[in-house]
Amino acid sequence: MSRKLGPKMKKCVTCQYWTGPRSITKLRNFVEWQNDKDTGICAGGGWNRQQRTAVHSCNKWVKWSAFK
């Protein structure tokens, strides 16, 4: 079962800098991913070059550009 979050939720999975597995819905208003333990590398944010889970957060969050 996939998980969903909107762009106002400041988590790694909704951040421009997170490189983990995710996809955007057709209307580009939600991001979907499989598991809260999915990980990706932070590429320029507050945890730069560190591996973080989808639901991690930080103070340098930037909304993912795939959102409308």
PDB file of N, CA and C in Angstrom:
ATOM      1  N   MET A   1       0.844  -1.182   0.000  1.00  0.00           N
ATOM      2  CA  MET A   1       0.000   0.000   0.000  1.00  0.00           C
ATOM      3  C   MET A   1       0.889   1.245   0.000  1.00  0.00           C
ATOM      4  N   SER A   2       0.551   2.189  -0.850  1.00  0.00           N
ATOM      5  CA  SER A   2       1.372   3.394  -0.932  1.00  0.00           C
ATOM      6  C   SER A   2       0.893   4.457   0.049  1.00  0.00           C
ATOM      7  N   ARG A   3       1.780   5.350   0.348  1.00  0.00           N
ATOM      8  CA  ARG A   3       1.507   6.480   1.233  1.00  0.00           C
ATOM      9  C   ARG A   3       1.383   7.735   0.378  1.00  0.00           C
ATOM     10  N   LYS A   4       0.711   8.753   0.901  1.00  0.00           N
ATOM     11  CA  LYS A   4       0.540  10.021   0.183  1.00  0.00           C
ATOM     12  C   LYS A   4       0.722  11.200   1.126  1.00  0.00           C
ATOM     13  N   LEU A   5       1.304  12.275   0.605  1.00  0.00           N
ATOM     14  CA  LEU A   5       1.399  13.546   1.324  1.00  0.00           C
ATOM     15  C   LEU A   5       1.248  14.685   0.331  1.00  0.00           C
ATOM     16  N   GLY A   6       0.709  15.787   0.799  1.00  0.00           N
ATOM     17  CA  GLY A   6       0.602  16.985  -0.009  1.00  0.00           C
ATOM     18  C   GLY A   6       1.816  17.884   0.176  1.00  0.00           C
ATOM     19  N   PRO A   7       1.919  18.933  -0.636  1.00  0.00           N
ATOM     20  CA  PRO A   7       3.102  19.792  -0.625  1.00  0.00           C
ATOM     21  C   PRO A   7       3.267  20.649   0.626  1.00  0.00           C
ATOM     22  N   LYS A   8       2.267  20.747   1.471  1.00  0.00           N
ATOM     23  CA  LYS A   8       2.398  21.551   2.689  1.00  0.00           C
ATOM     24  C   LYS A   8       3.043  20.783   3.834  1.00  0.00           C
ATOM     25  N   MET A   9       3.180  19.474   3.667  1.00  0.00           N
ATOM     26  CA  MET A   9       3.814  18.647   4.685  1.00  0.00           C
ATOM     27  C   MET A   9       5.330  18.672   4.456  1.00  0.00           C
ATOM     28  N   LYS A  10       6.048  19.276   5.353  1.00  0.00           N
ATOM     29  CA  LYS A  10       7.484  19.484   5.180  1.00  0.00           C
ATOM     30  C   LYS A  10       8.280  18.261   5.628  1.00  0.00           C
ATOM     31  N   LYS A  11       8.245  17.233   4.791  1.00  0.00           N
ATOM     32  CA  LYS A  11       8.971  15.992   5.013  1.00  0.00           C
ATOM     33  C   LYS A  11       9.911  15.766   3.826  1.00  0.00           C
ATOM     34  N   CYS A  12      10.912  14.934   4.019  1.00  0.00           N
ATOM     35  CA  CYS A  12      11.881  14.679   2.940  1.00  0.00           C
ATOM     36  C   CYS A  12      11.211  14.249   1.639  1.00  0.00           C
ATOM     37  N   VAL A  13      10.187  13.438   1.731  1.00  0.00           N
ATOM     38  CA  VAL A  13       9.532  12.921   0.530  1.00  0.00           C
ATOM     39  C   VAL A  13       8.898  14.037  -0.316  1.00  0.00           C
ATOM     40  N   THR A  14       8.583  15.178   0.274  1.00  0.00           N
ATOM     41  CA  THR A  14       8.008  16.301  -0.473  1.00  0.00           C
ATOM     42  C   THR A  14       9.046  17.373  -0.800  1.00  0.00           C
ATOM     43  N   CYS A  15      10.303  17.112  -0.492  1.00  0.00           N
ATOM     44  CA  CYS A  15      11.372  18.109  -0.648  1.00  0.00           C
ATOM     45  C   CYS A  15      12.116  17.956  -1.974  1.00  0.00           C
ATOM     46  N   GLN A  16      12.492  19.067  -2.538  1.00  0.00           N
ATOM     47  CA  GLN A  16      13.264  19.115  -3.782  1.00  0.00           C
ATOM     48  C   GLN A  16      14.589  18.367  -3.652  1.00  0.00           C
ATOM     49  N   TYR A  17      15.196  18.368  -2.501  1.00  0.00           N
ATOM     50  CA  TYR A  17      16.537  17.818  -2.314  1.00  0.00           C
ATOM     51  C   TYR A  17      16.585  16.302  -2.090  1.00  0.00           C
ATOM     52  N   TRP A  18      15.462  15.679  -1.801  1.00  0.00           N
ATOM     53  CA  TRP A  18      15.459  14.251  -1.479  1.00  0.00           C
ATOM     54  C   TRP A  18      15.485  13.424  -2.752  1.00  0.00           C
ATOM     55  N   THR A  19      16.321  12.385  -2.789  1.00  0.00           N
ATOM     56  CA  THR A  19      16.497  11.588  -4.009  1.00  0.00           C
ATOM     57  C   THR A  19      15.909  10.177  -3.916  1.00  0.00           C
ATOM     58  N   GLY A  20      15.105   9.923  -2.909  1.00  0.00           N
ATOM     59  CA  GLY A  20      14.526   8.594  -2.723  1.00  0.00           C
ATOM     60  C   GLY A  20      13.411   8.276  -3.710  1.00  0.00           C
ATOM     61  N   PRO A  21      12.908   7.038  -3.663  1.00  0.00           N
ATOM     62  CA  PRO A  21      11.863   6.589  -4.585  1.00  0.00           C
ATOM     63  C   PRO A  21      10.504   7.210  -4.263  1.00  0.00           C
ATOM     64  N   ARG A  22       9.918   7.886  -5.222  1.00  0.00           N
ATOM     65  CA  ARG A  22       8.617   8.548  -5.060  1.00  0.00           C
ATOM     66  C   ARG A  22       8.046   8.861  -6.428  1.00  0.00           C
ATOM     67  N   SER A  23       6.780   9.176  -6.452  1.00  0.00           N
ATOM     68  CA  SER A  23       6.148   9.606  -7.702  1.00  0.00           C
ATOM     69  C   SER A  23       5.100  10.656  -7.376  1.00  0.00           C
ATOM     70  N   ILE A  24       4.749  11.401  -8.384  1.00  0.00           N
ATOM     71  CA  ILE A  24       3.750  12.463  -8.223  1.00  0.00           C
ATOM     72  C   ILE A  24       2.432  11.963  -8.818  1.00  0.00           C
ATOM     73  N   THR A  25       1.305  12.327  -8.210  1.00  0.00           N
ATOM     74  CA  THR A  25       0.006  11.909  -8.741  1.00  0.00           C
ATOM     75  C   THR A  25      -0.307  12.661 -10.037  1.00  0.00           C
ATOM     76  N   LYS A  26      -1.308  12.177 -10.774  1.00  0.00           N
ATOM     77  CA  LYS A  26      -1.672  12.792 -12.060  1.00  0.00           C
ATOM     78  C   LYS A  26      -1.969  14.280 -11.945  1.00  0.00           C
ATOM     79  N   LEU A  27      -2.643  14.668 -10.887  1.00  0.00           N
ATOM     80  CA  LEU A  27      -2.991  16.085 -10.712  1.00  0.00           C
ATOM     81  C   LEU A  27      -1.845  16.896 -10.110  1.00  0.00           C
ATOM     82  N   ARG A  28      -0.738  16.230  -9.819  1.00  0.00           N
ATOM     83  CA  ARG A  28       0.461  16.850  -9.261  1.00  0.00           C
ATOM     84  C   ARG A  28       0.200  17.559  -7.931  1.00  0.00           C
ATOM     85  N   ASN A  29      -0.714  16.992  -7.131  1.00  0.00           N
ATOM     86  CA  ASN A  29      -1.026  17.595  -5.845  1.00  0.00           C
ATOM     87  C   ASN A  29      -0.645  16.715  -4.655  1.00  0.00           C
ATOM     88  N   PHE A  30      -0.167  15.507  -4.928  1.00  0.00           N
ATOM     89  CA  PHE A  30       0.294  14.592  -3.881  1.00  0.00           C
ATOM     90  C   PHE A  30       1.528  13.842  -4.371  1.00  0.00           C
ATOM     91  N   VAL A  31       2.390  13.517  -3.441  1.00  0.00           N
ATOM     92  CA  VAL A  31       3.513  12.627  -3.717  1.00  0.00           C
ATOM     93  C   VAL A  31       3.157  11.268  -3.118  1.00  0.00           C
ATOM     94  N   GLU A  32       3.544  10.199  -3.803  1.00  0.00           N
ATOM     95  CA  GLU A  32       3.292   8.843  -3.323  1.00  0.00           C
ATOM     96  C   GLU A  32       4.614   8.113  -3.163  1.00  0.00           C
ATOM     97  N   TRP A  33       4.686   7.248  -2.159  1.00  0.00           N
ATOM     98  CA  TRP A  33       5.831   6.382  -1.940  1.00  0.00           C
ATOM     99  C   TRP A  33       5.338   5.135  -1.255  1.00  0.00           C
ATOM    100  N   GLN A  34       6.172   4.121  -1.152  1.00  0.00           N
ATOM    101  CA  GLN A  34       5.732   2.821  -0.658  1.00  0.00           C
ATOM    102  C   GLN A  34       5.811   2.647   0.849  1.00  0.00           C
ATOM    103  N   ASN A  35       6.872   3.122   1.472  1.00  0.00           N
ATOM    104  CA  ASN A  35       7.113   2.783   2.864  1.00  0.00           C
ATOM    105  C   ASN A  35       7.781   3.952   3.587  1.00  0.00           C
ATOM    106  N   ASP A  36       7.397   4.209   4.815  1.00  0.00           N
ATOM    107  CA  ASP A  36       8.004   5.292   5.593  1.00  0.00           C
ATOM    108  C   ASP A  36       9.494   5.071   5.821  1.00  0.00           C
ATOM    109  N   LYS A  37       9.944   3.844   5.662  1.00  0.00           N
ATOM    110  CA  LYS A  37      11.364   3.543   5.837  1.00  0.00           C
ATOM    111  C   LYS A  37      12.158   3.663   4.540  1.00  0.00           C
ATOM    112  N   ASP A  38      11.487   4.030   3.418  1.00  0.00           N
ATOM    113  CA  ASP A  38      12.207   4.271   2.168  1.00  0.00           C
ATOM    114  C   ASP A  38      13.235   5.372   2.417  1.00  0.00           C
ATOM    115  N   THR A  39      14.425   5.211   1.853  1.00  0.00           N
ATOM    116  CA  THR A  39      15.475   6.189   2.086  1.00  0.00           C
ATOM    117  C   THR A  39      15.986   6.777   0.784  1.00  0.00           C
ATOM    118  N   GLY A  40      16.593   7.939   0.908  1.00  0.00           N
ATOM    119  CA  GLY A  40      17.215   8.614  -0.211  1.00  0.00           C
ATOM    120  C   GLY A  40      18.283   9.546   0.323  1.00  0.00           C
ATOM    121  N   ILE A  41      19.146   9.986  -0.553  1.00  0.00           N
ATOM    122  CA  ILE A  41      20.210  10.908  -0.180  1.00  0.00           C
ATOM    123  C   ILE A  41      19.686  12.341  -0.284  1.00  0.00           C
ATOM    124  N   CYS A  42      20.020  13.158   0.681  1.00  0.00           N
ATOM    125  CA  CYS A  42      19.715  14.587   0.626  1.00  0.00           C
ATOM    126  C   CYS A  42      20.780  15.228  -0.262  1.00  0.00           C
ATOM    127  N   ALA A  43      20.343  15.897  -1.308  1.00  0.00           N
ATOM    128  CA  ALA A  43      21.267  16.477  -2.285  1.00  0.00           C
ATOM    129  C   ALA A  43      21.235  18.003  -2.229  1.00  0.00           C
ATOM    130  N   GLY A  44      21.706  18.555  -1.115  1.00  0.00           N
ATOM    131  CA  GLY A  44      21.825  20.004  -1.012  1.00  0.00           C
ATOM    132  C   GLY A  44      21.031  20.653   0.100  1.00  0.00           C
ATOM    133  N   GLY A  45      20.215  19.913   0.798  1.00  0.00           N
ATOM    134  CA  GLY A  45      19.411  20.476   1.884  1.00  0.00           C
ATOM    135  C   GLY A  45      20.145  20.436   3.218  1.00  0.00           C
ATOM    136  N   GLY A  46      19.396  20.444   4.271  1.00  0.00           N
ATOM    137  CA  GLY A  46      19.942  20.479   5.620  1.00  0.00           C
ATOM    138  C   GLY A  46      20.712  19.238   6.023  1.00  0.00           C
ATOM    139  N   TRP A  47      20.456  18.118   5.360  1.00  0.00           N
ATOM    140  CA  TRP A  47      21.168  16.857   5.643  1.00  0.00           C
ATOM    141  C   TRP A  47      22.035  16.476   4.446  1.00  0.00           C
ATOM    142  N   ASN A  48      22.620  17.466   3.793  1.00  0.00           N
ATOM    143  CA  ASN A  48      23.366  17.279   2.560  1.00  0.00           C
ATOM    144  C   ASN A  48      24.289  16.057   2.588  1.00  0.00           C
ATOM    145  N   ARG A  49      24.140  15.203   1.559  1.00  0.00           N
ATOM    146  CA  ARG A  49      24.923  13.980   1.340  1.00  0.00           C
ATOM    147  C   ARG A  49      24.687  12.909   2.398  1.00  0.00           C
ATOM    148  N   GLN A  50      23.615  13.022   3.158  1.00  0.00           N
ATOM    149  CA  GLN A  50      23.280  12.012   4.152  1.00  0.00           C
ATOM    150  C   GLN A  50      22.004  11.294   3.741  1.00  0.00           C
ATOM    151  N   GLN A  51      21.917  10.045   4.115  1.00  0.00           N
ATOM    152  CA  GLN A  51      20.734   9.238   3.812  1.00  0.00           C
ATOM    153  C   GLN A  51      19.650   9.533   4.839  1.00  0.00           C
ATOM    154  N   ARG A  52      18.423   9.776   4.359  1.00  0.00           N
ATOM    155  CA  ARG A  52      17.292  10.098   5.223  1.00  0.00           C
ATOM    156  C   ARG A  52      16.065   9.318   4.785  1.00  0.00           C
ATOM    157  N   THR A  53      15.167   9.040   5.733  1.00  0.00           N
ATOM    158  CA  THR A  53      13.914   8.361   5.397  1.00  0.00           C
ATOM    159  C   THR A  53      12.933   9.343   4.769  1.00  0.00           C
ATOM    160  N   ALA A  54      11.897   8.801   4.155  1.00  0.00           N
ATOM    161  CA  ALA A  54      10.886   9.617   3.484  1.00  0.00           C
ATOM    162  C   ALA A  54      10.202  10.601   4.428  1.00  0.00           C
ATOM    163  N   VAL A  55      10.037  10.232   5.687  1.00  0.00           N
ATOM    164  CA  VAL A  55       9.275  11.069   6.622  1.00  0.00           C
ATOM    165  C   VAL A  55      10.157  11.906   7.542  1.00  0.00           C
ATOM    166  N   HIS A  56      11.437  11.955   7.256  1.00  0.00           N
ATOM    167  CA  HIS A  56      12.342  12.812   8.020  1.00  0.00           C
ATOM    168  C   HIS A  56      12.059  14.265   7.637  1.00  0.00           C
ATOM    169  N   SER A  57      12.513  15.211   8.426  1.00  0.00           N
ATOM    170  CA  SER A  57      12.319  16.623   8.099  1.00  0.00           C
ATOM    171  C   SER A  57      13.540  17.436   8.530  1.00  0.00           C
ATOM    172  N   CYS A  58      13.624  18.675   8.043  1.00  0.00           N
ATOM    173  CA  CYS A  58      14.696  19.586   8.443  1.00  0.00           C
ATOM    174  C   CYS A  58      14.249  21.022   8.206  1.00  0.00           C
ATOM    175  N   ASN A  59      15.089  21.979   8.583  1.00  0.00           N
ATOM    176  CA  ASN A  59      14.721  23.389   8.450  1.00  0.00           C
ATOM    177  C   ASN A  59      15.128  24.000   7.109  1.00  0.00           C
ATOM    178  N   LYS A  60      15.689  23.209   6.185  1.00  0.00           N
ATOM    179  CA  LYS A  60      16.057  23.731   4.863  1.00  0.00           C
ATOM    180  C   LYS A  60      15.199  23.111   3.763  1.00  0.00           C
ATOM    181  N   TRP A  61      13.999  22.693   4.112  1.00  0.00           N
ATOM    182  CA  TRP A  61      13.053  22.068   3.189  1.00  0.00           C
ATOM    183  C   TRP A  61      12.678  23.042   2.073  1.00  0.00           C
ATOM    184  N   VAL A  62      12.617  22.512   0.840  1.00  0.00           N
ATOM    185  CA  VAL A  62      12.157  23.265  -0.335  1.00  0.00           C
ATOM    186  C   VAL A  62      11.143  22.393  -1.051  1.00  0.00           C
ATOM    187  N   LYS A  63       9.973  22.943  -1.352  1.00  0.00           N
ATOM    188  CA  LYS A  63       8.918  22.167  -2.015  1.00  0.00           C
ATOM    189  C   LYS A  63       9.425  21.568  -3.328  1.00  0.00           C
ATOM    190  N   TRP A  64       9.146  20.279  -3.515  1.00  0.00           N
ATOM    191  CA  TRP A  64       9.534  19.546  -4.723  1.00  0.00           C
ATOM    192  C   TRP A  64       8.942  20.235  -5.947  1.00  0.00           C
ATOM    193  N   SER A  65       9.743  20.469  -6.960  1.00  0.00           N
ATOM    194  CA  SER A  65       9.303  21.189  -8.151  1.00  0.00           C
ATOM    195  C   SER A  65       8.269  20.432  -8.978  1.00  0.00           C
ATOM    196  N   ALA A  66       8.082  19.150  -8.734  1.00  0.00           N
ATOM    197  CA  ALA A  66       7.068  18.372  -9.467  1.00  0.00           C
ATOM    198  C   ALA A  66       5.641  18.742  -9.067  1.00  0.00           C
ATOM    199  N   PHE A  67       5.475  19.351  -7.889  1.00  0.00           N
ATOM    200  CA  PHE A  67       4.142  19.803  -7.475  1.00  0.00           C
ATOM    201  C   PHE A  67       3.708  20.970  -8.347  1.00  0.00           C
ATOM    202  N   LYS A  68       2.379  21.118  -8.545  1.00  0.00           N
ATOM    203  CA  LYS A  68       1.885  22.236  -9.357  1.00  0.00           C
ATOM    204  C   LYS A  68       2.031  23.554  -8.650  1.00  0.00           C
TER     205      LYS A  68
END
